[in-house]
N, C-alpha and C. Protein backbone atom coordinates (compact mmCIF):
# COMPACT_ATOMS: atom_id res chain seq x y z
N GLY A 1 74.95 30.97 -3.67
CA GLY A 1 73.54 30.96 -4.48
C GLY A 1 72.76 29.56 -5.04
N SER A 2 73.93 28.26 -4.27
CA SER A 2 72.82 27.44 -4.55
C SER A 2 72.32 26.81 -3.89
N GLU A 3 72.65 27.45 -2.45
CA GLU A 3 72.32 26.84 -0.83
C GLU A 3 71.06 27.98 -1.03
N THR A 4 70.49 28.69 -1.55
CA THR A 4 69.66 29.85 -1.28
C THR A 4 68.48 29.69 -3.53
N ALA A 5 69.09 29.26 -3.80
CA ALA A 5 68.23 28.33 -4.47
C ALA A 5 67.28 27.20 -4.26
N ALA A 6 68.34 25.99 -3.54
CA ALA A 6 67.81 24.53 -3.71
C ALA A 6 66.39 25.09 -2.15
N ARG A 7 66.69 26.90 -1.67
CA ARG A 7 66.29 27.06 -0.45
C ARG A 7 65.29 27.55 -0.47
N LYS A 8 64.86 28.60 -1.81
CA LYS A 8 63.76 29.26 -1.93
C LYS A 8 63.04 27.36 -3.41
N LEU A 9 63.70 26.73 -3.70
CA LEU A 9 63.26 25.65 -4.88
C LEU A 9 62.34 24.23 -3.67
N GLU A 10 62.85 24.48 -2.27
CA GLU A 10 62.04 23.88 -1.30
C GLU A 10 60.80 24.75 -0.81
N LYS A 11 61.17 25.54 -0.31
CA LYS A 11 60.25 26.84 -0.39
C LYS A 11 58.46 27.21 -0.84
N ASN A 12 58.80 27.29 -2.85
CA ASN A 12 58.27 26.76 -4.16
C ASN A 12 57.29 25.62 -3.85
N ALA A 13 57.99 24.82 -3.08
CA ALA A 13 58.41 22.94 -3.48
C ALA A 13 56.46 23.18 -2.17
N ALA A 14 57.55 23.65 -1.68
CA ALA A 14 56.06 23.66 -0.41
C ALA A 14 55.06 23.95 -0.37
N GLN A 15 55.04 26.33 -0.72
CA GLN A 15 54.05 26.47 -1.12
C GLN A 15 52.90 26.00 -2.02
N LEU A 16 53.73 24.85 -3.47
CA LEU A 16 53.08 24.81 -4.19
C LEU A 16 51.98 23.04 -3.91
N GLU A 17 52.61 22.67 -2.52
CA GLU A 17 51.66 21.55 -2.11
C GLU A 17 51.62 22.09 -0.93
N ARG A 18 51.07 22.76 -0.29
CA ARG A 18 50.32 23.64 0.48
C ARG A 18 48.55 23.97 0.10
N ALA A 19 49.26 24.54 -1.47
CA ALA A 19 48.26 25.41 -2.24
C ALA A 19 47.47 23.86 -2.61
N THR A 20 47.94 23.57 -3.18
CA THR A 20 47.94 21.23 -3.72
C THR A 20 46.67 21.00 -2.31
N CYS A 21 47.25 20.67 -1.36
CA CYS A 21 46.31 20.10 -0.78
C CYS A 21 45.08 20.83 -0.26
N ASP A 22 45.32 22.47 0.05
CA ASP A 22 44.32 23.19 0.41
C ASP A 22 43.00 23.30 -0.70
N LYS A 23 43.67 23.08 -2.01
CA LYS A 23 42.34 22.95 -3.19
C LYS A 23 41.31 21.33 -3.05
N TYR A 24 42.33 20.38 -2.34
CA TYR A 24 41.72 19.04 -2.63
C TYR A 24 40.80 18.33 -1.00
N ARG A 25 41.78 19.90 -0.50
CA ARG A 25 40.80 20.22 1.10
C ARG A 25 39.48 19.72 0.66
N VAL A 26 39.34 21.42 -0.04
CA VAL A 26 37.42 21.82 -0.17
C VAL A 26 37.07 21.09 -1.49
N ARG A 27 37.63 20.52 -2.43
CA ARG A 27 36.26 19.99 -3.16
C ARG A 27 36.08 18.80 -2.04
N VAL A 28 37.20 18.77 -1.21
CA VAL A 28 37.05 17.26 -0.55
C VAL A 28 35.08 17.65 0.49
N ALA A 29 35.07 18.64 0.70
CA ALA A 29 34.35 19.15 1.36
C ALA A 29 33.36 19.41 0.81
N GLU A 30 32.76 20.24 -0.27
CA GLU A 30 31.97 20.21 -1.73
C GLU A 30 32.36 18.67 -2.01
N LEU A 31 32.50 17.96 -1.72
CA LEU A 31 32.18 16.63 -1.71
C LEU A 31 31.21 15.98 -0.81
N GLU A 32 31.94 16.31 0.12
CA GLU A 32 31.20 15.12 1.19
C GLU A 32 30.14 16.26 1.29
N GLU A 33 29.84 17.48 0.81
CA GLU A 33 28.25 18.29 1.21
C GLU A 33 27.58 17.93 0.21
N LYS A 34 27.91 17.82 -1.36
CA LYS A 34 26.96 17.27 -2.62
C LYS A 34 26.12 15.01 -1.83
N TRP A 35 27.32 15.05 -0.57
CA TRP A 35 27.51 13.29 -0.02
C TRP A 35 25.74 13.64 0.10
N GLY A 36 26.21 14.44 1.38
CA GLY A 36 25.39 15.13 1.88
C GLY A 36 23.61 14.76 1.75
N GLU A 37 23.57 15.88 1.18
CA GLU A 37 22.29 16.14 0.09
C GLU A 37 21.79 15.16 -0.92
N ALA A 38 23.04 14.35 -1.72
CA ALA A 38 22.52 13.92 -2.15
C ALA A 38 21.79 12.84 -1.28
N LEU A 39 22.34 11.59 -0.43
CA LEU A 39 21.36 11.34 0.88
C LEU A 39 20.29 11.33 1.33
N ARG A 40 20.21 13.16 1.39
CA ARG A 40 18.99 13.45 2.33
C ARG A 40 18.10 13.13 1.14
N GLN A 41 18.54 12.92 0.13
CA GLN A 41 17.55 13.72 -1.46
C GLN A 41 17.40 11.89 -1.71
N LYS A 42 17.76 11.23 -1.42
CA LYS A 42 17.57 9.65 -0.85
C LYS A 42 16.55 9.16 -0.15
N ASP A 43 16.73 10.04 1.08
CA ASP A 43 16.06 9.51 2.34
C ASP A 43 14.72 10.34 1.94
N ALA A 44 14.67 11.01 1.01
CA ALA A 44 12.69 11.61 1.04
C ALA A 44 13.03 10.53 0.12
N ALA A 45 13.52 10.50 -1.32
CA ALA A 45 12.71 9.61 -2.20
C ALA A 45 11.92 8.44 -1.71
N GLU A 46 13.09 7.49 -0.99
CA GLU A 46 12.51 6.46 -0.17
C GLU A 46 11.69 6.70 0.90
N GLN A 47 11.19 7.32 1.38
CA GLN A 47 9.79 8.38 2.45
C GLN A 47 8.60 7.86 1.59
N GLU A 48 8.92 8.83 -0.08
CA GLU A 48 7.90 8.97 -0.43
C GLU A 48 6.94 7.22 -1.73
N LEU A 49 8.76 6.96 -1.21
CA LEU A 49 8.13 5.66 -1.77
C LEU A 49 7.64 4.43 -1.25
N LYS A 50 8.20 4.65 0.71
CA LYS A 50 7.06 4.00 0.97
C LYS A 50 6.05 4.24 1.47
N MET A 51 4.80 5.99 0.97
CA MET A 51 4.10 6.53 1.31
C MET A 51 3.11 5.93 0.18
N VAL A 52 3.49 6.16 -0.83
CA VAL A 52 3.17 5.06 -2.77
C VAL A 52 2.61 4.27 -2.98
N ARG A 53 3.73 3.13 -2.39
CA ARG A 53 3.65 1.73 -2.08
C ARG A 53 2.52 1.58 -0.97
N ALA A 54 2.10 2.66 0.28
CA ALA A 54 2.01 1.96 1.27
C ALA A 54 0.06 2.27 0.57
N GLU A 55 0.00 3.33 -0.40
CA GLU A 55 -1.04 4.33 -1.21
C GLU A 55 -1.36 2.98 -1.79
N LEU A 56 -1.09 2.28 -2.95
CA LEU A 56 -0.75 1.52 -3.56
C LEU A 56 -1.92 0.20 -3.45
N GLU A 57 -0.63 -0.19 -2.21
CA GLU A 57 -1.49 -1.83 -1.85
C GLU A 57 -3.32 -1.52 -1.41
N GLU A 58 -2.83 0.30 -0.45
CA GLU A 58 -4.61 0.74 0.17
C GLU A 58 -5.38 0.01 -1.19
N THR A 59 -5.19 1.24 -2.13
CA THR A 59 -6.28 0.90 -3.82
C THR A 59 -6.13 -0.34 -3.94
N ARG A 60 -5.34 -1.22 -4.26
CA ARG A 60 -5.51 -2.55 -4.53
C ARG A 60 -5.94 -3.09 -3.68
N TYR A 61 -6.78 -3.21 -2.60
CA TYR A 61 -6.80 -3.56 -1.59
C TYR A 61 -9.14 -2.98 -2.01
N HIS A 62 -9.10 -1.56 -2.10
CA HIS A 62 -9.97 -1.25 -1.97
C HIS A 62 -10.93 -1.64 -3.10
N LEU A 63 -9.69 -1.69 -4.53
CA LEU A 63 -10.90 -2.32 -6.06
C LEU A 63 -11.12 -3.47 -6.29
N GLN A 64 -10.51 -4.09 -5.64
CA GLN A 64 -10.91 -5.77 -5.04
C GLN A 64 -11.44 -6.36 -3.71
N GLU A 65 -11.98 -4.91 -3.38
CA GLU A 65 -13.08 -4.98 -2.10
C GLU A 65 -14.57 -4.62 -2.94
N SER A 66 -14.24 -3.78 -4.41
CA SER A 66 -15.40 -3.29 -4.47
C SER A 66 -15.66 -4.39 -6.30
N ALA A 67 -14.95 -4.49 -5.96
CA ALA A 67 -14.83 -5.93 -7.98
C ALA A 67 -15.38 -6.77 -7.05
N VAL A 68 -15.52 -7.60 -5.81
CA VAL A 68 -15.93 -8.98 -4.92
C VAL A 68 -17.53 -8.02 -4.68
N TRP A 69 -18.00 -7.02 -4.11
CA TRP A 69 -19.34 -6.56 -4.60
C TRP A 69 -19.56 -6.59 -4.95
N HIS A 70 -19.46 -5.41 -6.28
CA HIS A 70 -20.15 -5.25 -7.87
C HIS A 70 -20.59 -6.88 -8.54
N ASN A 71 -19.91 -7.55 -8.22
CA ASN A 71 -19.57 -8.75 -8.28
C ASN A 71 -20.75 -9.43 -7.95
N ALA A 72 -20.99 -9.67 -6.82
CA ALA A 72 -22.01 -9.90 -5.90
C ALA A 72 -23.29 -9.52 -6.76
N ARG A 73 -23.08 -8.16 -6.36
CA ARG A 73 -24.92 -7.62 -7.08
C ARG A 73 -25.52 -7.96 -7.95
N VAL A 74 -24.53 -8.39 -8.94
CA VAL A 74 -24.85 -8.65 -10.21
C VAL A 74 -24.58 -9.91 -10.41
N HIS A 75 -23.98 -10.89 -9.51
CA HIS A 75 -24.17 -12.73 -9.72
C HIS A 75 -25.15 -12.98 -8.28
N GLY A 76 -25.83 -12.06 -7.90
CA GLY A 76 -26.24 -12.48 -7.10
C GLY A 76 -28.04 -11.95 -6.57
N ARG A 77 -28.38 -10.77 -7.68
CA ARG A 77 -29.76 -10.86 -8.48
C ARG A 77 -31.22 -11.65 -7.63
N ARG A 78 -30.31 -13.20 -7.44
CA ARG A 78 -31.85 -13.77 -7.26
C ARG A 78 -31.93 -13.61 -6.70
N THR A 79 -30.71 -14.23 -5.48
CA THR A 79 -31.43 -14.13 -4.01
C THR A 79 -31.45 -12.93 -3.43
N THR A 80 -30.92 -11.07 -4.00
CA THR A 80 -31.76 -10.50 -3.15
C THR A 80 -32.82 -10.34 -3.51
N ARG A 81 -33.48 -10.24 -4.63
CA ARG A 81 -35.10 -10.89 -5.22
C ARG A 81 -35.74 -11.71 -4.50
N ALA A 82 -35.57 -12.65 -3.32
CA ALA A 82 -35.60 -13.49 -3.51
C ALA A 82 -35.92 -12.70 -1.68
N LEU A 83 -34.27 -12.18 -1.09
CA LEU A 83 -34.46 -11.59 0.16
C LEU A 83 -35.54 -10.74 0.03
N LEU A 84 -35.92 -9.52 -0.31
CA LEU A 84 -36.74 -8.30 -0.69
C LEU A 84 -37.75 -8.68 -0.96
N ALA A 85 -38.01 -9.59 -1.39
CA ALA A 85 -38.98 -10.41 -0.87
C ALA A 85 -40.14 -11.28 0.30
N PHE A 86 -38.83 -11.02 0.63
CA PHE A 86 -39.78 -11.58 2.69
C PHE A 86 -40.48 -10.37 3.38
N PRO A 87 -41.05 -10.03 4.10
CA PRO A 87 -42.37 -9.68 4.42
C PRO A 87 -41.21 -8.67 5.84
N PRO A 88 -41.65 -7.86 5.38
CA PRO A 88 -40.70 -6.63 7.18
C PRO A 88 -40.02 -7.23 8.86
N GLU A 89 -41.36 -8.31 8.81
CA GLU A 89 -41.60 -8.24 10.12
C GLU A 89 -40.51 -10.30 10.23
N THR A 90 -40.23 -10.29 8.74
CA THR A 90 -39.66 -11.61 8.42
C THR A 90 -38.67 -11.66 9.65
N GLN A 91 -38.89 -12.96 10.53
CA GLN A 91 -37.33 -12.84 11.59
C GLN A 91 -36.14 -14.82 11.18
N GLU A 92 -36.47 -15.52 10.50
CA GLU A 92 -35.87 -16.11 10.03
C GLU A 92 -36.19 -16.28 8.31
N VAL A 93 -34.40 -16.56 8.56
CA VAL A 93 -34.42 -16.82 6.55
C VAL A 93 -34.05 -17.62 6.58
N ALA A 94 -34.54 -18.79 5.45
CA ALA A 94 -33.96 -20.39 5.67
C ALA A 94 -33.14 -20.56 3.50
N PHE A 95 -32.28 -20.62 3.53
CA PHE A 95 -31.82 -20.67 1.97
C PHE A 95 -31.45 -21.50 2.54
N GLY A 96 -31.19 -22.75 3.44
CA GLY A 96 -30.31 -24.19 3.39
C GLY A 96 -30.29 -24.92 1.88
N SER A 97 -29.53 -25.51 1.57
CA SER A 97 -29.64 -26.28 0.21
C SER A 97 -30.38 -25.18 -0.81
N HIS A 98 -29.85 -24.44 -1.04
CA HIS A 98 -30.38 -23.69 -1.96
C HIS A 98 -29.18 -23.76 -3.25
N GLY A 99 -28.05 -23.96 -3.42
CA GLY A 99 -27.13 -23.75 -4.49
C GLY A 99 -26.78 -22.39 -4.31
N LEU A 100 -26.81 -21.59 -3.18
CA LEU A 100 -25.83 -20.13 -3.39
C LEU A 100 -24.50 -20.71 -3.22
N GLY A 101 -23.55 -19.75 -3.23
CA GLY A 101 -22.26 -19.33 -3.59
C GLY A 101 -21.50 -17.63 -2.87
N ASP A 102 -20.43 -17.68 -2.76
CA ASP A 102 -19.78 -16.64 -2.46
C ASP A 102 -20.33 -15.17 -2.59
N HIS A 103 -21.64 -15.30 -4.18
CA HIS A 103 -21.70 -13.56 -3.85
C HIS A 103 -23.10 -13.81 -3.40
N ASP A 104 -23.74 -15.18 -3.21
CA ASP A 104 -25.18 -14.75 -2.33
C ASP A 104 -24.44 -14.98 -0.84
N ALA A 105 -23.47 -15.65 -1.19
CA ALA A 105 -24.10 -14.99 0.67
C ALA A 105 -23.66 -13.61 1.05
N ILE A 106 -22.71 -12.94 0.38
CA ILE A 106 -22.77 -11.30 0.28
C ILE A 106 -24.00 -10.79 0.32
N MET A 107 -24.42 -11.22 -0.88
CA MET A 107 -25.80 -10.18 -0.56
C MET A 107 -26.93 -11.11 0.51
N VAL A 108 -26.79 -11.59 0.39
CA VAL A 108 -27.86 -12.21 2.54
C VAL A 108 -26.70 -11.37 3.59
N SER A 109 -25.08 -10.72 3.61
CA SER A 109 -24.56 -10.55 4.48
C SER A 109 -25.19 -9.33 4.40
N GLU A 110 -25.29 -8.12 3.27
CA GLU A 110 -25.97 -6.95 3.59
C GLU A 110 -26.71 -7.62 3.54
N PHE A 111 -27.99 -8.51 3.33
CA PHE A 111 -29.09 -7.67 3.48
C PHE A 111 -29.01 -7.90 5.33
N LEU A 112 -28.84 -8.94 6.08
CA LEU A 112 -29.26 -9.25 7.46
C LEU A 112 -28.36 -8.31 7.79
N ILE A 113 -27.58 -6.96 7.65
CA ILE A 113 -26.94 -6.00 8.39
C ILE A 113 -27.78 -4.87 8.39
N ASN A 114 -28.76 -4.72 7.45
CA ASN A 114 -29.89 -3.76 6.49
C ASN A 114 -31.18 -4.05 7.79
N ASN A 115 -31.41 -5.20 8.19
CA ASN A 115 -32.77 -6.24 8.82
C ASN A 115 -32.32 -6.24 9.97
N LEU A 116 -32.35 -5.51 10.55
CA LEU A 116 -32.08 -6.27 12.45
C LEU A 116 -33.10 -6.89 12.78
N MET A 117 -34.50 -7.25 12.16
CA MET A 117 -35.46 -8.74 12.74
C MET A 117 -35.22 -9.84 12.32
N ILE A 118 -34.10 -10.25 11.99
CA ILE A 118 -33.89 -11.21 11.54
C ILE A 118 -32.66 -12.11 12.61
N VAL A 119 -33.51 -12.75 13.17
CA VAL A 119 -32.70 -13.33 14.02
C VAL A 119 -32.38 -15.17 14.47
N SER A 120 -32.09 -15.41 13.02
CA SER A 120 -32.18 -17.07 12.42
C SER A 120 -31.54 -16.42 11.37
N CYS A 121 -30.32 -17.06 10.08
CA CYS A 121 -29.97 -17.42 8.82
C CYS A 121 -29.43 -18.21 8.75
N ASP A 122 -30.14 -19.73 7.78
CA ASP A 122 -29.66 -21.11 7.54
C ASP A 122 -29.37 -20.70 6.05
N LEU A 123 -27.88 -20.81 5.69
CA LEU A 123 -27.03 -21.17 4.58
C LEU A 123 -26.40 -22.49 4.47
N SER A 124 -27.18 -23.52 5.78
CA SER A 124 -26.27 -24.57 5.49
C SER A 124 -26.41 -25.71 3.98
N CYS A 125 -25.04 -25.75 3.99
CA CYS A 125 -25.46 -27.23 2.60
C CYS A 125 -25.60 -25.96 0.84
N ASN A 126 -24.91 -24.73 0.60
CA ASN A 126 -24.52 -24.59 -0.13
C ASN A 126 -22.53 -24.49 -0.42
N ALA A 127 -22.69 -23.96 -1.60
CA ALA A 127 -21.68 -23.74 -2.75
C ALA A 127 -20.85 -22.63 -1.62
N ILE A 128 -20.51 -21.92 -0.62
CA ILE A 128 -20.96 -21.32 -0.21
C ILE A 128 -18.53 -21.45 0.54
N GLY A 129 -17.60 -20.48 -0.19
CA GLY A 129 -16.33 -20.54 0.11
C GLY A 129 -16.17 -19.51 0.59
N PRO A 130 -14.51 -19.27 0.98
CA PRO A 130 -14.30 -18.20 2.20
C PRO A 130 -14.43 -17.07 1.80
N GLN A 131 -14.22 -16.48 0.18
CA GLN A 131 -15.08 -15.38 0.08
C GLN A 131 -16.46 -15.34 0.60
N GLY A 132 -17.53 -16.08 0.86
CA GLY A 132 -18.72 -15.89 0.99
C GLY A 132 -18.97 -15.55 2.90
N ALA A 133 -18.10 -17.04 2.97
CA ALA A 133 -17.77 -16.87 4.31
C ALA A 133 -17.58 -15.99 4.82
N THR A 134 -16.79 -15.32 4.19
CA THR A 134 -15.82 -13.70 5.77
C THR A 134 -17.00 -12.60 5.41
N ALA A 135 -18.76 -12.83 4.81
CA ALA A 135 -19.12 -11.25 4.16
C ALA A 135 -19.54 -11.15 5.43
């Protein structure tokens, strides 16, 4: 009888071990599935974050551009009035040594874009910086 009891005990222990391993295999499979889903969500969130960052940068750029043009319109009114006083057939604009700044240069560039008759524009000896020079 003791051999039979020992075999029964071994058999029960082996069955318990298999059942426990099966439970852990199922749990591992569940956790791996959750992990995969979490990684997919992370990737999707990173992609969305990338798009939001790009949109934010683009919006900041447009806001800065709008602010530059708004400030130019506000601070360059004197220059705008002078430009609008030119007759339509004017071909040369001379504002050398007029104390013009970036805002004025921006307004001159806007004027030149809309007035194709102008063939010469002198803005020498003014306080025009990089912002005005790139307008």
